[in-house]
Amino acid sequence: MKNGRKIEDVCDFVVKPIIEALEEAERGKKISPWTKQWKDDGTANTLTGILARNGVSRRPYNGINWLILNMFPEYNSPDWFTLNQLKKLTGMDRPIPDGEFENAMSIVFWKMIDHRTERDSRGRPKKFPLAKTYLVWNRDQIPALPEPKPDVIPPDFDPKTEIDKYLTNLDLRGGVNLGGNRACYIPSQDAICLPLNSAFFNEHQREGTKAHEGIHATGAKHRLNRKMAKGWFDDEAYAYEELVAELGAAMTCAYLGMPLTELQHTSYIASWLKHLKDDPSFIMSAAAHANKAFNYLIGEHASLQSESKESLAYAA
């Protein structure tokens, strides 16, 4: 993606392949368009190679940037850097090799700005989100970078049980109920229903389903109070919520280093396609809500970093 792209161009860059993948899904191919396709090769350190992150702060990218950097590039490293970061790390004025500058990816940075004239009820300037695009390069593109420090993974970390901890920490009033033939979150009871573990075809499908329902639960009034139905019919609100849950589950599984390759609710594809074709920024809003839900689910809702807050401006 070349330098100087407008926000609208970034949206189009992301939306076009998503639309193509969803149209294939309508024809029966259930592959998820927002996750990389890979197989678990049995190596111990799958966690570090999946979730795109800032190469300096090591914070994962959020919202639409998560989509941009996890859907398209095919690099082994999860680390991405701006030009200024590369100059500081390498000590070089021109750290990017010939032929790689034009292979940068454009990401979006959101910042809340004070309005010059409009005021809120307390007389303070109203705030509005301002978007800017930045170019970033992957570690694999920059040979002059020093070797990265190894990631430290807690010895008791097990991605296959971590989602159970996340669901427990939600403190669901109705708990997590196992058994039966459906998976769902019931808002009126603040409860999650899941089939028995043995009912799933594989462990990745099982954990992905748990993450999906956990993302739904984050939207409860006493949690994130996710209001989706402004000016929409109920069916459209449900479809949007399912898109948030699909994206949030994909983020959660990528964070844990687990493959999540299939769409879980294909019945909403037609609605997603309609909104994406009518308004490419639809995916930016859904990704921002999904990121907020993901952070809540994994327990980072108490102290979100500034990078996360700014990326959520689109969901405000």
Protein backbone atom coordinates (compact mmCIF):
# COMPACT_ATOMS: atom_id res chain seq x y z
CA MET A 1 0.00 0.00 0.00
CA LYS A 2 1.61 3.22 -1.12
CA ASN A 3 2.30 6.35 0.89
CA GLY A 4 -0.36 9.07 0.89
CA ARG A 5 -3.39 6.79 0.89
CA LYS A 6 -6.58 8.40 2.16
CA ILE A 7 -8.66 6.82 4.93
CA GLU A 8 -11.27 5.91 2.31
CA ASP A 9 -8.62 4.07 0.29
CA VAL A 10 -7.55 2.12 3.36
CA CYS A 11 -11.18 1.09 3.91
CA ASP A 12 -11.48 -0.02 0.30
CA PHE A 13 -8.19 -1.93 0.53
CA VAL A 14 -9.58 -3.96 3.46
CA VAL A 15 -13.18 -4.28 2.33
CA LYS A 16 -12.68 -5.60 -1.21
CA PRO A 17 -11.09 -8.96 -0.25
CA ILE A 18 -13.55 -9.34 2.65
CA ILE A 19 -16.48 -8.92 0.26
CA GLU A 20 -14.94 -11.45 -2.14
CA ALA A 21 -14.43 -13.98 0.67
CA LEU A 22 -17.95 -13.49 2.04
CA GLU A 23 -19.41 -13.97 -1.43
CA GLU A 24 -17.52 -17.27 -1.59
CA ALA A 25 -18.92 -18.14 1.84
CA GLU A 26 -22.42 -17.52 0.51
CA ARG A 27 -21.67 -20.18 -2.10
CA GLY A 28 -20.76 -22.67 0.62
CA LYS A 29 -17.11 -21.99 1.43
CA LYS A 30 -17.03 -21.12 5.15
CA ILE A 31 -13.42 -19.87 5.34
CA SER A 32 -13.14 -16.82 7.58
CA PRO A 33 -11.92 -13.79 5.57
CA TRP A 34 -10.27 -12.03 8.52
CA THR A 35 -7.90 -14.73 9.70
CA LYS A 36 -4.79 -16.15 8.12
CA GLN A 37 -5.09 -19.74 7.04
CA TRP A 38 -2.52 -21.95 8.72
CA LYS A 39 -2.26 -25.30 10.42
CA ASP A 40 -0.97 -26.10 13.88
CA ASP A 41 2.44 -27.61 13.17
CA GLY A 42 2.94 -28.79 16.76
CA THR A 43 5.63 -26.26 17.65
CA ALA A 44 5.56 -24.89 21.19
CA ASN A 45 5.71 -21.19 20.37
CA THR A 46 2.71 -20.64 18.10
CA LEU A 47 1.60 -17.67 20.21
CA THR A 48 4.26 -15.23 19.06
CA GLY A 49 3.82 -15.57 15.29
CA ILE A 50 0.16 -14.73 14.84
CA LEU A 51 -0.82 -11.40 16.37
CA ALA A 52 0.59 -8.33 14.60
CA ARG A 53 2.09 -5.84 17.05
CA ASN A 54 4.12 -2.67 17.38
CA GLY A 55 7.71 -3.85 17.23
CA VAL A 56 8.86 -1.37 19.91
CA SER A 57 6.06 -1.41 22.49
CA ARG A 58 5.02 -4.98 21.61
CA ARG A 59 1.42 -3.93 22.00
CA PRO A 60 -0.91 -5.75 19.53
CA TYR A 61 -2.47 -3.58 16.86
CA ASN A 62 -6.15 -2.84 17.27
CA GLY A 63 -9.36 -2.58 15.29
CA ILE A 64 -8.93 -1.98 11.58
CA ASN A 65 -5.13 -2.18 11.94
CA TRP A 66 -5.51 -5.71 13.29
CA LEU A 67 -7.39 -6.59 10.12
CA ILE A 68 -4.88 -4.90 7.81
CA LEU A 69 -1.78 -6.51 9.33
CA ASN A 70 -3.26 -9.95 10.06
CA MET A 71 -5.17 -10.50 6.81
CA PHE A 72 -2.74 -9.52 4.09
CA PRO A 73 1.02 -9.70 4.74
CA GLU A 74 2.85 -13.02 4.60
CA TYR A 75 5.78 -12.49 6.94
CA ASN A 76 7.03 -14.72 9.74
CA SER A 77 7.55 -11.90 12.22
CA PRO A 78 4.62 -10.25 14.05
CA ASP A 79 6.66 -7.03 14.56
CA TRP A 80 5.92 -3.82 12.63
CA PHE A 81 7.75 -0.47 12.72
CA THR A 82 7.34 3.10 11.52
CA LEU A 83 10.16 4.80 9.63
CA ASN A 84 11.17 6.84 12.68
CA GLN A 85 11.31 3.72 14.83
CA LEU A 86 13.50 1.99 12.24
CA LYS A 87 15.90 4.94 12.11
CA LYS A 88 16.32 4.93 15.89
CA LEU A 89 16.72 1.16 16.15
CA THR A 90 19.24 0.82 13.31
CA GLY A 91 21.03 4.17 13.61
CA MET A 92 20.64 4.58 9.86
CA ASP A 93 19.10 7.45 7.90
CA ARG A 94 17.87 5.01 5.25
CA PRO A 95 17.16 1.72 7.04
CA ILE A 96 14.72 0.36 4.45
CA PRO A 97 16.38 -1.62 1.62
CA ASP A 98 15.82 -0.69 -2.02
CA GLY A 99 12.62 -2.23 -3.28
CA GLU A 100 10.98 -2.52 0.14
CA PHE A 101 9.86 1.06 0.71
CA GLU A 102 6.88 0.68 -1.62
CA ASN A 103 5.92 -2.59 0.12
CA ALA A 104 4.91 -0.77 3.31
CA MET A 105 1.46 -1.24 4.80
CA SER A 106 -0.76 1.72 5.68
CA ILE A 107 -2.35 1.67 9.12
CA VAL A 108 -4.79 4.10 10.70
CA PHE A 109 -4.16 6.13 13.85
CA TRP A 110 -7.13 7.69 15.63
CA LYS A 111 -6.86 10.64 17.98
CA MET A 112 -9.60 12.56 19.80
CA ILE A 113 -9.42 16.29 18.96
CA ASP A 114 -11.16 19.23 20.63
CA HIS A 115 -13.76 20.93 18.42
CA ARG A 116 -12.96 24.60 17.79
CA THR A 117 -16.47 25.96 18.32
CA GLU A 118 -18.88 23.29 19.61
CA ARG A 119 -19.23 22.78 23.38
CA ASP A 120 -20.79 20.08 25.55
CA SER A 121 -23.30 20.63 28.38
CA ARG A 122 -20.45 21.58 30.74
CA GLY A 123 -19.02 24.16 28.38
CA ARG A 124 -16.04 22.04 27.41
CA PRO A 125 -15.00 21.58 23.77
CA LYS A 126 -16.69 18.62 22.13
CA LYS A 127 -14.30 15.96 20.91
CA PHE A 128 -14.25 14.24 17.54
CA PRO A 129 -12.05 11.47 16.12
CA LEU A 130 -9.35 12.48 13.65
CA ALA A 131 -7.80 9.76 11.52
CA LYS A 132 -4.31 9.72 10.02
CA THR A 133 -2.54 7.03 8.05
CA TYR A 134 0.99 5.82 8.77
CA LEU A 135 3.33 3.50 6.91
CA VAL A 136 4.80 0.50 8.69
CA TRP A 137 7.26 -2.22 7.70
CA ASN A 138 7.69 -5.75 8.97
CA ARG A 139 10.83 -6.92 10.74
CA ASP A 140 11.45 -9.42 7.93
CA GLN A 141 11.83 -6.53 5.47
CA ILE A 142 14.62 -4.80 7.45
CA PRO A 143 17.87 -6.85 7.69
CA ALA A 144 19.62 -4.05 9.67
CA LEU A 145 17.36 -4.47 12.70
CA PRO A 146 18.95 -6.02 15.79
CA GLU A 147 17.78 -9.48 16.79
CA PRO A 148 14.54 -9.31 18.78
CA LYS A 149 14.38 -10.26 22.42
CA PRO A 150 12.64 -13.62 22.87
CA ASP A 151 9.05 -13.53 24.01
CA VAL A 152 8.51 -14.68 27.56
CA ILE A 153 5.54 -17.02 27.88
CA PRO A 154 4.42 -17.98 31.41
CA PRO A 155 5.28 -21.63 32.11
CA ASP A 156 1.67 -22.43 33.06
CA PHE A 157 0.22 -20.85 29.91
CA ASP A 158 -2.13 -23.18 28.04
CA PRO A 159 -4.18 -21.60 25.23
CA LYS A 160 -6.67 -24.47 25.40
CA THR A 161 -7.73 -23.58 28.96
CA GLU A 162 -7.16 -19.82 28.87
CA ILE A 163 -10.59 -19.04 27.39
CA ASP A 164 -12.25 -20.93 30.24
CA LYS A 165 -10.52 -18.51 32.61
CA TYR A 166 -11.79 -15.55 30.58
CA LEU A 167 -15.38 -16.82 30.81
CA THR A 168 -15.04 -17.36 34.55
CA ASN A 169 -13.69 -13.84 35.02
CA LEU A 170 -16.79 -12.40 33.30
CA ASP A 171 -18.68 -13.39 36.48
CA LEU A 172 -21.77 -14.35 34.53
CA ARG A 173 -24.89 -14.22 36.70
CA GLY A 174 -26.24 -17.38 35.05
CA GLY A 175 -22.83 -19.00 34.64
CA VAL A 176 -21.56 -21.23 31.83
CA ASN A 177 -23.96 -24.11 31.22
CA LEU A 178 -22.69 -27.23 29.45
CA GLY A 179 -24.82 -29.69 27.51
CA GLY A 180 -27.41 -29.58 24.77
CA ASN A 181 -26.99 -28.84 21.09
CA ARG A 182 -26.63 -25.08 20.91
CA ALA A 183 -24.07 -22.40 21.77
CA CYS A 184 -25.41 -19.00 22.73
CA TYR A 185 -25.33 -16.10 25.16
CA ILE A 186 -28.69 -15.37 26.85
CA PRO A 187 -28.80 -11.67 27.83
CA SER A 188 -31.87 -11.96 30.08
CA GLN A 189 -30.09 -14.55 32.22
CA ASP A 190 -26.53 -13.29 31.65
CA ALA A 191 -25.61 -16.88 30.88
CA ILE A 192 -23.65 -18.80 28.26
CA CYS A 193 -24.79 -22.18 26.95
CA LEU A 194 -22.28 -24.51 25.31
CA PRO A 195 -22.36 -28.12 24.11
CA LEU A 196 -20.16 -30.59 25.97
CA ASN A 197 -16.50 -30.47 24.98
CA SER A 198 -16.81 -33.91 23.40
CA ALA A 199 -19.49 -32.61 20.99
CA PHE A 200 -17.06 -30.42 19.03
CA PHE A 201 -15.19 -31.70 15.99
CA ASN A 202 -11.86 -30.34 17.26
CA GLU A 203 -10.44 -28.27 20.10
CA HIS A 204 -9.93 -25.17 17.97
CA GLN A 205 -13.62 -25.12 17.02
CA ARG A 206 -14.49 -25.58 20.69
CA GLU A 207 -12.31 -22.73 21.94
CA GLY A 208 -13.40 -20.49 19.06
CA THR A 209 -17.04 -21.04 20.01
CA LYS A 210 -16.30 -20.21 23.64
CA ALA A 211 -14.56 -17.00 22.56
CA HIS A 212 -17.48 -16.10 20.29
CA GLU A 213 -20.04 -16.39 23.09
CA GLY A 214 -17.70 -14.64 25.51
CA ILE A 215 -17.49 -11.66 23.13
CA HIS A 216 -21.31 -11.55 23.06
CA ALA A 217 -21.35 -11.48 26.86
CA THR A 218 -19.07 -8.44 26.99
CA GLY A 219 -21.85 -6.38 25.42
CA ALA A 220 -24.15 -6.70 28.46
CA LYS A 221 -25.43 -3.46 29.99
CA HIS A 222 -23.31 -3.88 33.14
CA ARG A 223 -20.18 -4.54 31.09
CA LEU A 224 -19.60 -2.62 27.84
CA ASN A 225 -23.26 -1.77 27.25
CA ARG A 226 -22.86 -2.30 23.52
CA LYS A 227 -25.78 -0.57 21.81
CA MET A 228 -26.09 -1.68 18.22
CA ALA A 229 -29.64 -0.92 17.18
CA LYS A 230 -29.66 2.87 16.66
CA GLY A 231 -31.85 3.41 13.61
CA TRP A 232 -31.60 -0.26 12.60
CA PHE A 233 -34.17 -3.00 12.41
CA ASP A 234 -33.62 -5.79 14.92
CA ASP A 235 -32.34 -8.23 12.30
CA GLU A 236 -29.66 -5.76 11.22
CA ALA A 237 -28.65 -5.15 14.83
CA TYR A 238 -28.27 -8.89 15.39
CA ALA A 239 -26.23 -9.22 12.21
CA TYR A 240 -23.90 -6.43 13.33
CA GLU A 241 -23.50 -8.01 16.76
CA GLU A 242 -22.62 -11.33 15.10
CA LEU A 243 -19.96 -9.61 13.01
CA VAL A 244 -18.49 -8.10 16.18
CA ALA A 245 -18.49 -11.56 17.79
CA GLU A 246 -16.85 -13.17 14.73
CA LEU A 247 -14.08 -10.56 14.68
CA GLY A 248 -13.66 -10.61 18.46
CA ALA A 249 -13.36 -14.39 18.53
CA ALA A 250 -10.78 -14.26 15.73
CA MET A 251 -8.78 -11.68 17.72
CA THR A 252 -8.97 -13.81 20.86
CA CYS A 253 -7.85 -16.99 19.14
CA ALA A 254 -5.02 -15.18 17.34
CA TYR A 255 -3.94 -13.73 20.69
CA LEU A 256 -3.78 -17.26 22.10
CA GLY A 257 -2.04 -18.69 19.05
CA MET A 258 -4.93 -20.90 17.97
CA PRO A 259 -6.32 -21.31 14.43
CA LEU A 260 -9.86 -20.08 13.85
CA THR A 261 -10.44 -20.57 10.15
CA GLU A 262 -14.21 -20.92 9.70
CA LEU A 263 -17.08 -18.48 10.01
CA GLN A 264 -19.40 -19.53 12.81
CA HIS A 265 -22.59 -17.74 11.74
CA THR A 266 -22.96 -17.74 7.97
CA SER A 267 -26.67 -16.84 8.12
CA TYR A 268 -25.75 -13.15 8.49
CA ILE A 269 -23.47 -12.95 5.45
CA ALA A 270 -26.07 -11.29 3.23
CA SER A 271 -26.55 -8.48 5.74
CA TRP A 272 -22.78 -8.01 6.16
CA LEU A 273 -22.32 -7.83 2.41
CA LYS A 274 -25.08 -5.25 2.02
CA HIS A 275 -23.57 -2.95 4.66
CA LEU A 276 -20.00 -3.41 3.41
CA LYS A 277 -21.02 -2.53 -0.15
CA ASP A 278 -23.09 0.45 0.98
CA ASP A 279 -20.54 1.80 3.46
CA PRO A 280 -16.94 0.51 3.57
CA SER A 281 -16.43 2.18 6.98
CA PHE A 282 -18.90 -0.40 8.38
CA ILE A 283 -16.00 -2.81 8.91
CA MET A 284 -13.99 -0.15 10.77
CA SER A 285 -16.80 0.35 13.25
CA ALA A 286 -17.30 -3.39 13.75
CA ALA A 287 -13.55 -3.98 14.18
CA ALA A 288 -13.36 -1.22 16.78
CA HIS A 289 -16.26 -2.67 18.78
CA ALA A 290 -14.72 -6.14 18.45
CA ASN A 291 -11.38 -4.88 19.73
CA LYS A 292 -13.02 -3.26 22.74
CA ALA A 293 -14.84 -6.53 23.47
CA PHE A 294 -11.63 -8.54 23.01
CA ASN A 295 -9.75 -6.35 25.48
CA TYR A 296 -12.58 -6.72 27.99
CA LEU A 297 -12.69 -10.50 27.57
CA ILE A 298 -8.96 -11.02 28.14
CA GLY A 299 -9.03 -8.74 31.19
CA GLU A 300 -7.46 -5.53 29.91
CA HIS A 301 -10.60 -3.40 30.28
CA ALA A 302 -9.43 -1.86 33.56
CA SER A 303 -6.40 -0.10 32.09
CA LEU A 304 -6.44 0.10 28.29
CA GLN A 305 -3.27 1.59 26.85
CA SER A 306 -3.50 4.85 24.90
CA GLU A 307 -2.93 3.05 21.59
CA SER A 308 -6.03 0.99 22.30
CA LYS A 309 -8.15 3.97 23.31
CA GLU A 310 -7.30 5.89 20.18
CA SER A 311 -8.07 2.94 17.94
CA LEU A 312 -11.52 2.69 19.52
CA ALA A 313 -12.53 6.21 18.55
CA TYR A 314 -14.55 4.82 15.65
CA ALA A 315 -16.71 2.87 18.08
CA ALA A 316 -17.47 5.82 20.36
